[in-house]
């Protein structure tokens, strides 16, 4: 029986895998409640412009001008940004798992994520992601955004690892399906325990 090639590289998402999502609907609802905003209006304005922010075409300040500060507020940009950044929390078990696998198996670890530049720039040092990540293919850095397959093509070009030696850990089903279409084995992340088992089955114990 033919054995699968040894895994030498991990592609991994950040939000929902290593950390909580940076700015999902739960965070926006908390912000709306905290700052006494109309959530429905804020969320509609968010929906219209968030892709532009995640692709790095506008700054966080411009994004907030569009969804919150299009009219005078009783709070500042700095206060809102602070609240926004504070929504990020780590998944310690997943961070420890990635660091251990890199050390144990000598893996190359590549982040492939949709994330705004300022949020990404906050989260990377805050949670010490560079301790185990070799490089970041973030949507706001490269101007491409999942589910566009081009962001994965770029990650493959930069990683310079045969596709057969890569496994991708991602918590969004559509994104894993796009990766699978490119021949990238993928794990649909639900929790640390099941992802650990899936990796172990691939030889990454």
N, C-alpha and C. Protein backbone atom coordinates (compact mmCIF):
# COMPACT_ATOMS: atom_id res chain seq x y z
N UNK A 1 0.85 -1.20 0.00
CA UNK A 1 0.00 0.00 0.00
C UNK A 1 0.88 1.25 0.00
N UNK A 2 0.54 2.20 -0.88
CA UNK A 2 1.33 3.42 -1.00
C UNK A 2 1.12 4.32 0.21
N UNK A 3 2.22 4.77 0.79
CA UNK A 3 2.14 5.64 1.96
C UNK A 3 2.12 7.10 1.51
N UNK A 4 1.38 7.92 2.28
CA UNK A 4 1.37 9.35 2.00
C UNK A 4 2.74 9.96 2.31
N UNK A 5 3.14 10.99 1.54
CA UNK A 5 4.43 11.64 1.81
C UNK A 5 4.44 12.24 3.22
N UNK A 6 5.63 12.36 3.77
CA UNK A 6 5.78 12.95 5.09
C UNK A 6 5.39 14.43 5.05
N UNK A 7 4.67 14.88 6.07
CA UNK A 7 4.28 16.29 6.16
C UNK A 7 5.48 17.09 6.66
N UNK A 8 5.84 18.14 5.91
CA UNK A 8 6.96 18.99 6.30
C UNK A 8 6.53 20.44 6.52
N UNK A 9 5.28 20.75 6.19
CA UNK A 9 4.82 22.15 6.27
C UNK A 9 3.36 22.21 6.70
N UNK A 10 3.07 23.13 7.59
CA UNK A 10 1.69 23.40 7.99
C UNK A 10 1.27 24.77 7.48
N UNK A 11 0.11 24.83 6.82
CA UNK A 11 -0.58 26.09 6.59
C UNK A 11 -1.63 26.18 7.70
N UNK A 12 -1.75 27.32 8.33
CA UNK A 12 -2.70 27.43 9.44
C UNK A 12 -3.37 28.80 9.44
N UNK A 13 -4.65 28.81 9.73
CA UNK A 13 -5.40 30.05 9.88
C UNK A 13 -5.14 30.61 11.28
N UNK A 14 -5.45 31.89 11.49
CA UNK A 14 -5.32 32.47 12.83
C UNK A 14 -6.68 32.49 13.53
N UNK A 15 -7.61 33.31 13.03
CA UNK A 15 -8.90 33.49 13.69
C UNK A 15 -9.73 32.21 13.68
N UNK A 16 -10.10 31.75 14.87
CA UNK A 16 -10.90 30.53 14.99
C UNK A 16 -10.05 29.28 15.12
N UNK A 17 -8.73 29.41 14.96
CA UNK A 17 -7.82 28.27 15.08
C UNK A 17 -6.79 28.53 16.18
N UNK A 18 -5.95 29.53 15.99
CA UNK A 18 -4.94 29.86 16.99
C UNK A 18 -5.46 30.86 18.03
N UNK A 19 -6.28 31.78 17.54
CA UNK A 19 -6.87 32.82 18.38
C UNK A 19 -8.35 32.92 18.07
N UNK A 20 -9.07 33.64 18.91
CA UNK A 20 -10.45 33.95 18.57
C UNK A 20 -10.46 34.80 17.31
N UNK A 21 -11.60 34.88 16.65
CA UNK A 21 -11.71 35.76 15.50
C UNK A 21 -11.40 37.18 15.94
N UNK A 22 -10.76 37.93 15.08
CA UNK A 22 -10.36 39.28 15.45
C UNK A 22 -11.52 40.23 15.61
N UNK A 23 -12.54 40.07 14.76
CA UNK A 23 -13.62 41.07 14.76
C UNK A 23 -14.87 40.46 14.12
N UNK A 24 -15.43 39.46 14.81
CA UNK A 24 -16.62 38.79 14.27
C UNK A 24 -17.90 39.43 14.79
N UNK A 25 -19.05 38.83 14.47
CA UNK A 25 -20.32 39.46 14.83
C UNK A 25 -20.53 39.51 16.34
N UNK A 26 -19.96 38.55 17.06
CA UNK A 26 -20.07 38.60 18.52
C UNK A 26 -19.33 39.82 19.07
N UNK A 27 -18.12 40.05 18.57
CA UNK A 27 -17.34 41.22 19.00
C UNK A 27 -18.04 42.51 18.62
N UNK A 28 -18.62 42.56 17.43
CA UNK A 28 -19.30 43.78 16.99
C UNK A 28 -20.55 44.04 17.82
N UNK A 29 -21.24 42.97 18.21
CA UNK A 29 -22.41 43.15 19.09
C UNK A 29 -22.00 43.69 20.45
N UNK A 30 -20.88 43.18 20.98
CA UNK A 30 -20.40 43.69 22.27
C UNK A 30 -20.01 45.15 22.14
N UNK A 31 -19.37 45.51 21.03
CA UNK A 31 -18.97 46.90 20.82
C UNK A 31 -20.19 47.80 20.70
N UNK A 32 -21.19 47.35 19.97
CA UNK A 32 -22.41 48.14 19.81
C UNK A 32 -23.08 48.38 21.16
N UNK A 33 -23.13 47.35 21.98
CA UNK A 33 -23.73 47.49 23.31
C UNK A 33 -22.90 48.42 24.19
N UNK A 34 -21.58 48.23 24.18
CA UNK A 34 -20.69 49.02 25.03
C UNK A 34 -20.72 50.51 24.67
N UNK A 35 -20.75 50.79 23.35
CA UNK A 35 -20.70 52.18 22.91
C UNK A 35 -22.08 52.74 22.55
N UNK A 36 -23.12 51.94 22.83
CA UNK A 36 -24.52 52.38 22.60
C UNK A 36 -24.75 52.77 21.14
N UNK A 37 -24.38 51.84 20.26
CA UNK A 37 -24.57 52.02 18.82
C UNK A 37 -25.71 51.14 18.33
N UNK A 38 -26.29 51.51 17.20
CA UNK A 38 -27.30 50.67 16.55
C UNK A 38 -26.55 49.55 15.82
N UNK A 39 -26.64 48.34 16.36
CA UNK A 39 -25.87 47.22 15.79
C UNK A 39 -26.26 46.94 14.35
N UNK A 40 -27.55 46.97 14.04
CA UNK A 40 -27.99 46.64 12.68
C UNK A 40 -27.37 47.59 11.66
N UNK A 41 -27.34 48.88 12.00
CA UNK A 41 -26.77 49.87 11.09
C UNK A 41 -25.25 49.65 10.97
N UNK A 42 -24.59 49.48 12.12
CA UNK A 42 -23.14 49.27 12.11
C UNK A 42 -22.78 48.02 11.32
N UNK A 43 -23.55 46.95 11.51
CA UNK A 43 -23.22 45.69 10.86
C UNK A 43 -23.44 45.77 9.35
N UNK A 44 -24.46 46.49 8.93
CA UNK A 44 -24.68 46.66 7.49
C UNK A 44 -23.54 47.45 6.86
N UNK A 45 -23.11 48.50 7.53
CA UNK A 45 -22.00 49.28 7.01
C UNK A 45 -20.70 48.45 7.03
N UNK A 46 -20.53 47.63 8.07
CA UNK A 46 -19.40 46.70 8.13
C UNK A 46 -19.43 45.76 6.93
N UNK A 47 -20.57 45.18 6.67
CA UNK A 47 -20.70 44.20 5.59
C UNK A 47 -20.29 44.80 4.24
N UNK A 48 -20.60 46.06 4.05
CA UNK A 48 -20.33 46.71 2.77
C UNK A 48 -18.85 47.02 2.55
N UNK A 49 -18.08 47.13 3.64
CA UNK A 49 -16.70 47.62 3.48
C UNK A 49 -15.62 46.72 4.08
N UNK A 50 -16.00 45.67 4.80
CA UNK A 50 -15.00 44.89 5.54
C UNK A 50 -14.03 44.18 4.61
N UNK A 51 -14.50 43.66 3.49
CA UNK A 51 -13.59 42.99 2.55
C UNK A 51 -12.49 43.94 2.10
N UNK A 52 -12.86 45.20 1.87
CA UNK A 52 -11.89 46.20 1.43
C UNK A 52 -10.82 46.41 2.50
N UNK A 53 -11.24 46.41 3.77
CA UNK A 53 -10.30 46.55 4.88
C UNK A 53 -9.40 45.33 4.99
N UNK A 54 -9.99 44.14 4.90
CA UNK A 54 -9.19 42.92 5.05
C UNK A 54 -8.18 42.73 3.91
N UNK A 55 -8.46 43.31 2.77
CA UNK A 55 -7.51 43.22 1.65
C UNK A 55 -6.46 44.32 1.69
N UNK A 56 -6.51 45.15 2.73
CA UNK A 56 -5.49 46.17 2.91
C UNK A 56 -5.68 47.41 2.04
N UNK A 57 -6.87 47.60 1.48
CA UNK A 57 -7.10 48.74 0.59
C UNK A 57 -7.50 49.99 1.36
N UNK A 58 -7.94 49.84 2.61
CA UNK A 58 -8.19 50.98 3.48
C UNK A 58 -7.59 50.67 4.85
N UNK A 59 -7.29 51.72 5.61
CA UNK A 59 -6.73 51.55 6.94
C UNK A 59 -7.84 51.26 7.95
N UNK A 60 -7.42 50.87 9.14
CA UNK A 60 -8.40 50.67 10.21
C UNK A 60 -9.14 51.96 10.52
N UNK A 61 -8.43 53.09 10.51
CA UNK A 61 -9.08 54.38 10.75
C UNK A 61 -10.15 54.67 9.72
N UNK A 62 -9.86 54.38 8.45
CA UNK A 62 -10.85 54.61 7.39
C UNK A 62 -12.03 53.65 7.54
N UNK A 63 -11.74 52.40 7.88
CA UNK A 63 -12.81 51.42 8.13
C UNK A 63 -13.73 51.90 9.25
N UNK A 64 -13.14 52.37 10.35
CA UNK A 64 -13.95 52.83 11.49
C UNK A 64 -14.72 54.11 11.14
N UNK A 65 -14.13 54.95 10.31
CA UNK A 65 -14.87 56.14 9.85
C UNK A 65 -16.13 55.73 9.10
N UNK A 66 -16.04 54.64 8.37
CA UNK A 66 -17.19 54.20 7.57
C UNK A 66 -18.27 53.51 8.39
N UNK A 67 -17.86 52.77 9.42
CA UNK A 67 -18.88 51.99 10.15
C UNK A 67 -19.33 52.64 11.45
N UNK A 68 -18.51 53.54 12.03
CA UNK A 68 -18.84 54.14 13.33
C UNK A 68 -18.79 55.65 13.30
N UNK A 69 -17.69 56.21 12.80
CA UNK A 69 -17.45 57.64 12.95
C UNK A 69 -17.90 58.45 11.74
N UNK A 70 -18.93 57.99 11.05
CA UNK A 70 -19.53 58.76 9.97
C UNK A 70 -20.39 59.88 10.52
N UNK A 71 -20.60 59.88 11.85
CA UNK A 71 -21.25 60.98 12.54
C UNK A 71 -20.55 61.18 13.88
N UNK A 72 -20.80 62.30 14.52
CA UNK A 72 -20.10 62.64 15.76
C UNK A 72 -20.45 61.64 16.86
N UNK A 73 -19.42 61.23 17.61
CA UNK A 73 -19.61 60.27 18.70
C UNK A 73 -19.09 60.86 20.00
N UNK A 74 -19.52 60.27 21.10
CA UNK A 74 -19.09 60.73 22.43
C UNK A 74 -17.80 60.05 22.87
N UNK A 75 -17.25 59.18 22.02
CA UNK A 75 -16.02 58.46 22.32
C UNK A 75 -15.06 58.65 21.14
N UNK A 76 -13.82 58.26 21.35
CA UNK A 76 -12.78 58.51 20.34
C UNK A 76 -12.44 57.26 19.55
N UNK A 77 -11.72 57.47 18.45
CA UNK A 77 -11.17 56.35 17.68
C UNK A 77 -10.32 55.46 18.59
N UNK A 78 -9.48 56.09 19.40
CA UNK A 78 -8.56 55.32 20.25
C UNK A 78 -9.32 54.44 21.23
N UNK A 79 -10.40 54.94 21.79
CA UNK A 79 -11.20 54.14 22.73
C UNK A 79 -11.85 52.96 22.02
N UNK A 80 -12.34 53.20 20.82
CA UNK A 80 -12.99 52.12 20.07
C UNK A 80 -11.96 51.07 19.65
N UNK A 81 -10.81 51.52 19.16
CA UNK A 81 -9.75 50.59 18.74
C UNK A 81 -9.30 49.72 19.92
N UNK A 82 -9.14 50.33 21.09
CA UNK A 82 -8.71 49.59 22.27
C UNK A 82 -9.71 48.49 22.58
N UNK A 83 -11.00 48.82 22.55
CA UNK A 83 -12.04 47.82 22.80
C UNK A 83 -11.98 46.72 21.75
N UNK A 84 -11.81 47.12 20.51
CA UNK A 84 -11.76 46.17 19.39
C UNK A 84 -10.61 45.19 19.57
N UNK A 85 -9.42 45.70 19.88
CA UNK A 85 -8.26 44.84 20.04
C UNK A 85 -8.40 43.91 21.25
N UNK A 86 -9.07 44.39 22.29
CA UNK A 86 -9.23 43.58 23.50
C UNK A 86 -10.13 42.36 23.31
N UNK A 87 -10.82 42.30 22.18
CA UNK A 87 -11.67 41.13 21.92
C UNK A 87 -10.86 39.88 21.58
N UNK A 88 -9.61 40.08 21.18
CA UNK A 88 -8.75 38.95 20.79
C UNK A 88 -8.29 38.17 22.00
N UNK A 89 -8.50 36.86 21.95
CA UNK A 89 -8.05 35.96 23.01
C UNK A 89 -7.35 34.78 22.36
N UNK A 90 -6.41 34.20 23.08
CA UNK A 90 -5.65 33.05 22.57
C UNK A 90 -6.38 31.74 22.84
N UNK A 91 -6.08 30.74 22.02
CA UNK A 91 -6.42 29.35 22.31
C UNK A 91 -5.10 28.68 22.72
N UNK A 92 -4.78 28.70 24.01
CA UNK A 92 -3.44 28.26 24.47
C UNK A 92 -3.07 26.85 24.03
N UNK A 93 -4.04 25.93 24.02
CA UNK A 93 -3.73 24.55 23.62
C UNK A 93 -3.27 24.49 22.17
N UNK A 94 -3.90 25.28 21.30
CA UNK A 94 -3.51 25.26 19.89
C UNK A 94 -2.15 25.93 19.68
N UNK A 95 -1.90 27.00 20.39
CA UNK A 95 -0.59 27.64 20.29
C UNK A 95 0.51 26.68 20.74
N UNK A 96 0.25 25.98 21.84
CA UNK A 96 1.24 25.03 22.35
C UNK A 96 1.42 23.86 21.39
N UNK A 97 0.31 23.39 20.79
CA UNK A 97 0.39 22.28 19.83
C UNK A 97 1.24 22.66 18.62
N UNK A 98 1.00 23.84 18.07
CA UNK A 98 1.77 24.27 16.89
C UNK A 98 3.25 24.40 17.22
N UNK A 99 3.55 25.02 18.36
CA UNK A 99 4.95 25.19 18.75
C UNK A 99 5.63 23.84 18.97
N UNK A 100 4.91 22.90 19.58
CA UNK A 100 5.48 21.58 19.84
C UNK A 100 5.72 20.81 18.55
N UNK A 101 4.75 20.86 17.63
CA UNK A 101 4.90 20.14 16.35
C UNK A 101 6.06 20.71 15.55
N UNK A 102 6.20 22.02 15.54
CA UNK A 102 7.31 22.64 14.80
C UNK A 102 8.64 22.15 15.35
N UNK A 103 8.77 22.15 16.67
CA UNK A 103 10.02 21.75 17.31
C UNK A 103 10.28 20.25 17.12
N UNK A 104 9.25 19.45 17.28
CA UNK A 104 9.39 17.99 17.26
C UNK A 104 9.67 17.47 15.85
N UNK A 105 9.03 18.08 14.84
CA UNK A 105 9.11 17.55 13.48
C UNK A 105 9.87 18.47 12.52
N UNK A 106 10.36 19.60 13.01
CA UNK A 106 11.09 20.51 12.14
C UNK A 106 10.25 21.09 11.02
N UNK A 107 8.99 21.38 11.32
CA UNK A 107 8.05 21.84 10.29
C UNK A 107 8.26 23.30 9.92
N UNK A 108 7.92 23.62 8.68
CA UNK A 108 7.75 25.00 8.27
C UNK A 108 6.29 25.35 8.56
N UNK A 109 6.04 26.48 9.22
CA UNK A 109 4.68 26.87 9.58
C UNK A 109 4.35 28.20 8.91
N UNK A 110 3.27 28.20 8.14
CA UNK A 110 2.87 29.37 7.36
C UNK A 110 1.43 29.75 7.74
N UNK A 111 1.24 30.98 8.15
CA UNK A 111 -0.11 31.47 8.41
C UNK A 111 -0.73 31.93 7.09
N UNK A 112 -1.96 31.50 6.83
CA UNK A 112 -2.75 31.98 5.68
C UNK A 112 -4.06 32.48 6.26
N UNK A 113 -4.22 33.80 6.32
CA UNK A 113 -5.37 34.34 7.05
C UNK A 113 -5.97 35.56 6.37
N UNK A 114 -7.25 35.78 6.64
CA UNK A 114 -7.94 37.01 6.28
C UNK A 114 -7.94 37.90 7.53
N UNK A 115 -7.21 39.00 7.46
CA UNK A 115 -7.13 39.86 8.64
C UNK A 115 -6.65 41.24 8.25
N UNK A 116 -7.29 42.27 8.83
CA UNK A 116 -6.89 43.64 8.59
C UNK A 116 -5.48 43.90 9.11
N UNK A 117 -4.78 44.83 8.47
CA UNK A 117 -3.36 45.04 8.77
C UNK A 117 -3.11 45.43 10.22
N UNK A 118 -3.84 46.40 10.73
CA UNK A 118 -3.58 46.87 12.09
C UNK A 118 -3.92 45.80 13.12
N UNK A 119 -4.99 45.06 12.88
CA UNK A 119 -5.36 43.98 13.79
C UNK A 119 -4.30 42.88 13.76
N UNK A 120 -3.85 42.53 12.57
CA UNK A 120 -2.80 41.54 12.41
C UNK A 120 -1.51 41.98 13.11
N UNK A 121 -1.17 43.25 12.92
CA UNK A 121 0.06 43.80 13.51
C UNK A 121 -0.01 43.82 15.04
N UNK A 122 -1.21 43.89 15.58
CA UNK A 122 -1.40 43.81 17.04
C UNK A 122 -1.31 42.37 17.53
N UNK A 123 -1.98 41.47 16.84
CA UNK A 123 -2.13 40.10 17.32
C UNK A 123 -0.84 39.29 17.20
N UNK A 124 -0.05 39.53 16.16
CA UNK A 124 1.17 38.74 15.96
C UNK A 124 2.13 38.87 17.14
N UNK A 125 2.50 40.09 17.56
CA UNK A 125 3.40 40.18 18.73
C UNK A 125 2.69 39.91 20.05
N UNK A 126 1.44 40.31 20.16
CA UNK A 126 0.70 40.12 21.42
C UNK A 126 0.69 38.66 21.83
N UNK A 127 0.49 37.77 20.88
CA UNK A 127 0.38 36.34 21.18
C UNK A 127 1.63 35.56 20.74
N UNK A 128 2.71 36.30 20.42
CA UNK A 128 4.02 35.72 20.13
C UNK A 128 3.96 34.67 19.02
N UNK A 129 3.22 34.99 17.96
CA UNK A 129 3.05 34.02 16.87
C UNK A 129 4.35 33.78 16.12
N UNK A 130 5.25 34.76 16.11
CA UNK A 130 6.52 34.56 15.41
C UNK A 130 7.42 33.55 16.11
N UNK A 131 7.05 33.13 17.32
CA UNK A 131 7.83 32.09 18.00
C UNK A 131 7.82 30.77 17.22
N UNK A 132 6.74 30.54 16.44
CA UNK A 132 6.66 29.28 15.69
C UNK A 132 6.24 29.45 14.24
N UNK A 133 5.80 30.64 13.84
CA UNK A 133 5.38 30.87 12.45
C UNK A 133 6.57 31.40 11.65
N UNK A 134 6.82 30.79 10.49
CA UNK A 134 7.92 31.22 9.63
C UNK A 134 7.59 32.48 8.84
N UNK A 135 6.37 32.55 8.30
CA UNK A 135 5.94 33.77 7.64
C UNK A 135 4.43 33.82 7.53
N UNK A 136 3.92 35.03 7.26
CA UNK A 136 2.49 35.31 7.27
C UNK A 136 2.01 35.72 5.88
N UNK A 137 1.07 34.96 5.35
CA UNK A 137 0.40 35.33 4.11
C UNK A 137 -0.98 35.85 4.53
N UNK A 138 -0.99 37.09 4.97
CA UNK A 138 -2.22 37.70 5.48
C UNK A 138 -2.87 38.52 4.37
N UNK A 139 -4.19 38.51 4.33
CA UNK A 139 -4.90 39.16 3.24
C UNK A 139 -4.51 40.63 3.09
N UNK A 140 -4.34 41.33 4.21
CA UNK A 140 -4.02 42.75 4.14
C UNK A 140 -2.57 42.99 3.73
N UNK A 141 -1.73 41.98 3.85
CA UNK A 141 -0.33 42.11 3.41
C UNK A 141 -0.19 41.88 1.91
N UNK A 142 -1.00 40.96 1.38
CA UNK A 142 -0.80 40.52 -0.01
C UNK A 142 -1.91 40.96 -0.96
N UNK A 143 -2.97 41.59 -0.43
CA UNK A 143 -4.05 42.09 -1.28
C UNK A 143 -4.92 41.00 -1.88
N UNK A 144 -4.88 39.82 -1.27
CA UNK A 144 -5.71 38.68 -1.70
C UNK A 144 -6.45 38.16 -0.48
N UNK A 145 -7.62 37.60 -0.70
CA UNK A 145 -8.45 37.21 0.44
C UNK A 145 -9.14 35.88 0.15
N UNK A 146 -9.08 34.97 1.11
CA UNK A 146 -9.82 33.71 0.99
C UNK A 146 -11.31 34.05 0.84
N UNK A 147 -12.04 33.32 -0.02
CA UNK A 147 -11.72 32.05 -0.67
C UNK A 147 -11.03 32.15 -2.03
N UNK A 148 -10.47 33.29 -2.38
CA UNK A 148 -9.72 33.39 -3.62
C UNK A 148 -8.54 32.42 -3.57
N UNK A 149 -8.50 31.47 -4.47
CA UNK A 149 -7.44 30.46 -4.47
C UNK A 149 -6.06 31.06 -4.69
N UNK A 150 -6.00 32.29 -5.20
CA UNK A 150 -4.71 32.92 -5.47
C UNK A 150 -3.90 33.13 -4.20
N UNK A 151 -4.56 33.33 -3.06
CA UNK A 151 -3.80 33.51 -1.82
C UNK A 151 -3.10 32.21 -1.43
N UNK A 152 -3.72 31.08 -1.75
CA UNK A 152 -3.09 29.79 -1.50
C UNK A 152 -1.98 29.50 -2.50
N UNK A 153 -2.20 29.90 -3.76
CA UNK A 153 -1.13 29.77 -4.75
C UNK A 153 0.10 30.57 -4.31
N UNK A 154 -0.13 31.77 -3.79
CA UNK A 154 0.97 32.59 -3.32
C UNK A 154 1.69 31.93 -2.15
N UNK A 155 0.91 31.38 -1.21
CA UNK A 155 1.51 30.69 -0.05
C UNK A 155 2.35 29.50 -0.51
N UNK A 156 1.88 28.78 -1.53
CA UNK A 156 2.64 27.65 -2.06
C UNK A 156 3.94 28.13 -2.71
N UNK A 157 3.86 29.22 -3.46
CA UNK A 157 5.06 29.76 -4.11
C UNK A 157 6.09 30.19 -3.07
N UNK A 158 5.63 30.82 -2.01
CA UNK A 158 6.55 31.32 -0.98
C UNK A 158 7.12 30.18 -0.13
N UNK A 159 6.29 29.19 0.15
CA UNK A 159 6.73 28.08 1.01
C UNK A 159 7.77 27.20 0.33
N UNK A 160 7.64 27.03 -0.98
CA UNK A 160 8.56 26.17 -1.75
C UNK A 160 8.65 24.78 -1.13
N UNK A 161 7.47 24.23 -0.88
CA UNK A 161 7.33 22.86 -0.35
C UNK A 161 6.36 22.13 -1.29
N UNK A 162 6.64 20.90 -1.67
CA UNK A 162 5.70 20.16 -2.51
C UNK A 162 4.32 20.11 -1.86
N UNK A 163 3.28 20.29 -2.66
CA UNK A 163 1.93 20.34 -2.13
C UNK A 163 1.57 19.06 -1.37
N UNK A 164 2.17 17.95 -1.77
CA UNK A 164 1.89 16.67 -1.12
C UNK A 164 2.42 16.61 0.31
N UNK A 165 3.32 17.57 0.67
CA UNK A 165 3.91 17.57 2.01
C UNK A 165 3.30 18.63 2.93
N UNK A 166 2.18 19.20 2.49
CA UNK A 166 1.54 20.28 3.25
C UNK A 166 0.19 19.81 3.79
N UNK A 167 -0.13 20.25 5.00
CA UNK A 167 -1.49 20.09 5.52
C UNK A 167 -1.95 21.46 6.02
N UNK A 168 -3.22 21.76 5.77
CA UNK A 168 -3.78 23.08 6.05
C UNK A 168 -4.82 22.94 7.16
N UNK A 169 -4.68 23.74 8.22
CA UNK A 169 -5.62 23.72 9.34
C UNK A 169 -6.47 24.98 9.27
N UNK A 170 -7.77 24.81 9.08
CA UNK A 170 -8.68 25.92 8.78
C UNK A 170 -10.04 25.61 9.38
N UNK A 171 -10.73 26.63 9.89
CA UNK A 171 -12.02 26.38 10.55
C UNK A 171 -13.23 26.73 9.68
N UNK A 172 -13.00 27.11 8.43
CA UNK A 172 -14.11 27.43 7.52
C UNK A 172 -14.15 26.38 6.41
N UNK A 173 -15.28 25.68 6.32
CA UNK A 173 -15.40 24.55 5.40
C UNK A 173 -15.09 24.94 3.96
N UNK A 174 -15.65 26.05 3.48
CA UNK A 174 -15.40 26.45 2.09
C UNK A 174 -13.92 26.62 1.81
N UNK A 175 -13.20 27.18 2.76
CA UNK A 175 -11.77 27.43 2.55
C UNK A 175 -10.98 26.12 2.49
N UNK A 176 -11.39 25.13 3.28
CA UNK A 176 -10.73 23.82 3.19
C UNK A 176 -11.04 23.18 1.84
N UNK A 177 -12.24 23.37 1.34
CA UNK A 177 -12.62 22.79 0.05
C UNK A 177 -11.82 23.41 -1.09
N UNK A 178 -11.62 24.73 -1.03
CA UNK A 178 -10.79 25.40 -2.05
C UNK A 178 -9.37 24.85 -2.01
N UNK A 179 -8.84 24.67 -0.79
CA UNK A 179 -7.49 24.12 -0.65
C UNK A 179 -7.40 22.70 -1.20
N UNK A 180 -8.40 21.89 -0.91
CA UNK A 180 -8.42 20.51 -1.39
C UNK A 180 -8.44 20.46 -2.92
N UNK A 181 -9.12 21.43 -3.53
CA UNK A 181 -9.15 21.49 -5.00
C UNK A 181 -7.76 21.73 -5.58
N UNK A 182 -6.88 22.35 -4.79
CA UNK A 182 -5.51 22.59 -5.22
C UNK A 182 -4.58 21.44 -4.83
N UNK A 183 -5.14 20.41 -4.20
CA UNK A 183 -4.34 19.26 -3.79
C UNK A 183 -3.74 19.38 -2.41
N UNK A 184 -4.17 20.41 -1.64
CA UNK A 184 -3.65 20.61 -0.29
C UNK A 184 -4.53 19.85 0.70
N UNK A 185 -3.96 18.85 1.35
CA UNK A 185 -4.72 18.14 2.37
C UNK A 185 -5.11 19.12 3.48
N UNK A 186 -6.34 19.02 3.94
CA UNK A 186 -6.85 20.01 4.89
C UNK A 186 -7.55 19.35 6.07
N UNK A 187 -7.45 20.02 7.20
CA UNK A 187 -8.15 19.61 8.41
C UNK A 187 -9.15 20.71 8.76
N UNK A 188 -10.43 20.36 8.81
CA UNK A 188 -11.45 21.32 9.23
C UNK A 188 -11.40 21.39 10.75
N UNK A 189 -10.86 22.46 11.26
CA UNK A 189 -10.63 22.60 12.70
C UNK A 189 -11.94 22.86 13.45
N UNK A 190 -12.18 22.05 14.47
CA UNK A 190 -13.33 22.26 15.35
C UNK A 190 -12.88 22.48 16.79
N UNK A 191 -11.87 21.72 17.20
CA UNK A 191 -11.31 21.88 18.53
C UNK A 191 -9.91 21.28 18.53
N UNK A 192 -9.16 21.57 19.57
CA UNK A 192 -7.76 21.13 19.61
C UNK A 192 -7.66 19.61 19.60
N UNK A 193 -8.51 18.94 20.34
CA UNK A 193 -8.43 17.48 20.46
C UNK A 193 -8.59 16.79 19.12
N UNK A 194 -9.61 17.19 18.34
CA UNK A 194 -9.84 16.54 17.05
C UNK A 194 -8.75 16.89 16.04
N UNK A 195 -8.26 18.12 16.09
CA UNK A 195 -7.17 18.51 15.19
C UNK A 195 -5.89 17.77 15.54
N UNK A 196 -5.62 17.61 16.83
CA UNK A 196 -4.45 16.86 17.26
C UNK A 196 -4.51 15.42 16.74
N UNK A 197 -5.71 14.81 16.82
CA UNK A 197 -5.90 13.44 16.36
C UNK A 197 -5.70 13.35 14.85
N UNK A 198 -6.23 14.32 14.11
CA UNK A 198 -6.10 14.33 12.65
C UNK A 198 -4.64 14.47 12.24
N UNK A 199 -3.90 15.33 12.93
CA UNK A 199 -2.48 15.50 12.65
C UNK A 199 -1.69 14.25 12.98
N UNK A 200 -2.05 13.61 14.07
CA UNK A 200 -1.39 12.38 14.48
C UNK A 200 -1.57 11.28 13.43
N UNK A 201 -2.78 11.23 12.85
CA UNK A 201 -3.06 10.25 11.81
C UNK A 201 -2.21 10.48 10.56
N UNK A 202 -1.73 11.71 10.39
CA UNK A 202 -0.85 12.05 9.26
C UNK A 202 0.62 11.89 9.62
N UNK A 203 0.90 11.39 10.82
CA UNK A 203 2.27 11.15 11.22
C UNK A 203 2.88 12.23 12.08
N UNK A 204 2.07 13.28 12.39
CA UNK A 204 2.57 14.38 13.22
C UNK A 204 2.11 14.18 14.67
N UNK A 205 2.82 13.33 15.36
CA UNK A 205 2.42 12.99 16.73
C UNK A 205 3.12 13.90 17.73
